[in-house]
Each structure stands twice: as C-alpha cells, then as structure tokens.
C-alpha cells in the first residue's frame, strides 16, 4: 500500500493537474477484506 500511496502523492495527482485537498483515508472493505485509499483532490 505504501508504493501506491507514494505513486499517487508524488506523480498521479500533479500529472493530472490536481492537488491534495485533505487527509488521505484508508478503508478496509468488510465484505472482501480489501484495503482502499481515498485521496480527496481538487483541480488546480
């Protein structure tokens, strides 16, 4: 999960002309046990 976090923070958000707009939230889906990260972003 750390690699995904770093990729989104350091590359994906800025490459798409956005910025982080709040705290990143982690979530574990109860039905599947899969971890997810939610990145609140806004356009620049």
C-alpha atoms as a PDB file:
ATOM      1  CA  UNK A   1       0.000   0.000   0.000  1.00  0.00           C
ATOM      2  CA  UNK A   2       2.943   2.317   0.643  1.00  0.00           C
ATOM      3  CA  UNK A   3       4.022   2.122  -3.009  1.00  0.00           C
ATOM      4  CA  UNK A   4       0.534   3.077  -4.199  1.00  0.00           C
ATOM      5  CA  UNK A   5       0.378   5.976  -1.744  1.00  0.00           C
ATOM      6  CA  UNK A   6       3.766   7.293  -2.907  1.00  0.00           C
ATOM      7  CA  UNK A   7       2.856   6.950  -6.588  1.00  0.00           C
ATOM      8  CA  UNK A   8      -0.420   8.856  -6.223  1.00  0.00           C
ATOM      9  CA  UNK A   9       1.024  11.597  -3.993  1.00  0.00           C
ATOM     10  CA  UNK A  10       4.255  12.123  -5.950  1.00  0.00           C
ATOM     11  CA  UNK A  11       3.079  11.558  -9.531  1.00  0.00           C
ATOM     12  CA  UNK A  12      -0.554  10.894 -10.384  1.00  0.00           C
ATOM     13  CA  UNK A  13      -2.169  13.871  -8.642  1.00  0.00           C
ATOM     14  CA  UNK A  14       0.176  16.501 -10.095  1.00  0.00           C
ATOM     15  CA  UNK A  15       0.299  14.902 -13.556  1.00  0.00           C
ATOM     16  CA  UNK A  16      -3.476  15.279 -13.760  1.00  0.00           C
ATOM     17  CA  UNK A  17      -3.438  18.937 -12.699  1.00  0.00           C
ATOM     18  CA  UNK A  18      -4.833  18.372  -9.224  1.00  0.00           C
ATOM     19  CA  UNK A  19      -3.731  18.897  -5.646  1.00  0.00           C
ATOM     20  CA  UNK A  20      -4.437  17.043  -2.437  1.00  0.00           C
ATOM     21  CA  UNK A  21      -7.360  18.732  -0.670  1.00  0.00           C
ATOM     22  CA  UNK A  22      -7.446  16.887   2.662  1.00  0.00           C
ATOM     23  CA  UNK A  23      -6.342  13.841   4.588  1.00  0.00           C
ATOM     24  CA  UNK A  24      -5.948  10.530   2.776  1.00  0.00           C
ATOM     25  CA  UNK A  25      -8.252   7.935   4.314  1.00  0.00           C
ATOM     26  CA  UNK A  26      -7.665   4.212   4.382  1.00  0.00           C
ATOM     27  CA  UNK A  27     -10.596   1.838   4.343  1.00  0.00           C
ATOM     28  CA  UNK A  28     -10.924  -1.927   4.579  1.00  0.00           C
ATOM     29  CA  UNK A  29     -13.940  -3.265   2.723  1.00  0.00           C
ATOM     30  CA  UNK A  30     -15.722  -5.604   5.168  1.00  0.00           C
ATOM     31  CA  UNK A  31     -17.097  -7.993   2.542  1.00  0.00           C
ATOM     32  CA  UNK A  32     -13.762  -8.643   0.809  1.00  0.00           C
ATOM     33  CA  UNK A  33     -11.082  -7.501   3.255  1.00  0.00           C
ATOM     34  CA  UNK A  34      -9.513  -5.369   0.500  1.00  0.00           C
ATOM     35  CA  UNK A  35      -7.752  -2.183   1.556  1.00  0.00           C
ATOM     36  CA  UNK A  36      -8.534   1.049  -0.270  1.00  0.00           C
ATOM     37  CA  UNK A  37      -7.105   4.554  -0.109  1.00  0.00           C
ATOM     38  CA  UNK A  38      -9.272   7.614  -0.725  1.00  0.00           C
ATOM     39  CA  UNK A  39      -7.453  10.749  -1.901  1.00  0.00           C
ATOM     40  CA  UNK A  40      -9.539  13.945  -1.718  1.00  0.00           C
ATOM     41  CA  UNK A  41      -8.347  16.117  -4.598  1.00  0.00           C
ATOM     42  CA  UNK A  42      -9.313  19.345  -6.302  1.00  0.00           C
ATOM     43  CA  UNK A  43      -8.441  20.791  -9.694  1.00  0.00           C
ATOM     44  CA  UNK A  44      -5.820  23.498  -9.898  1.00  0.00           C
END
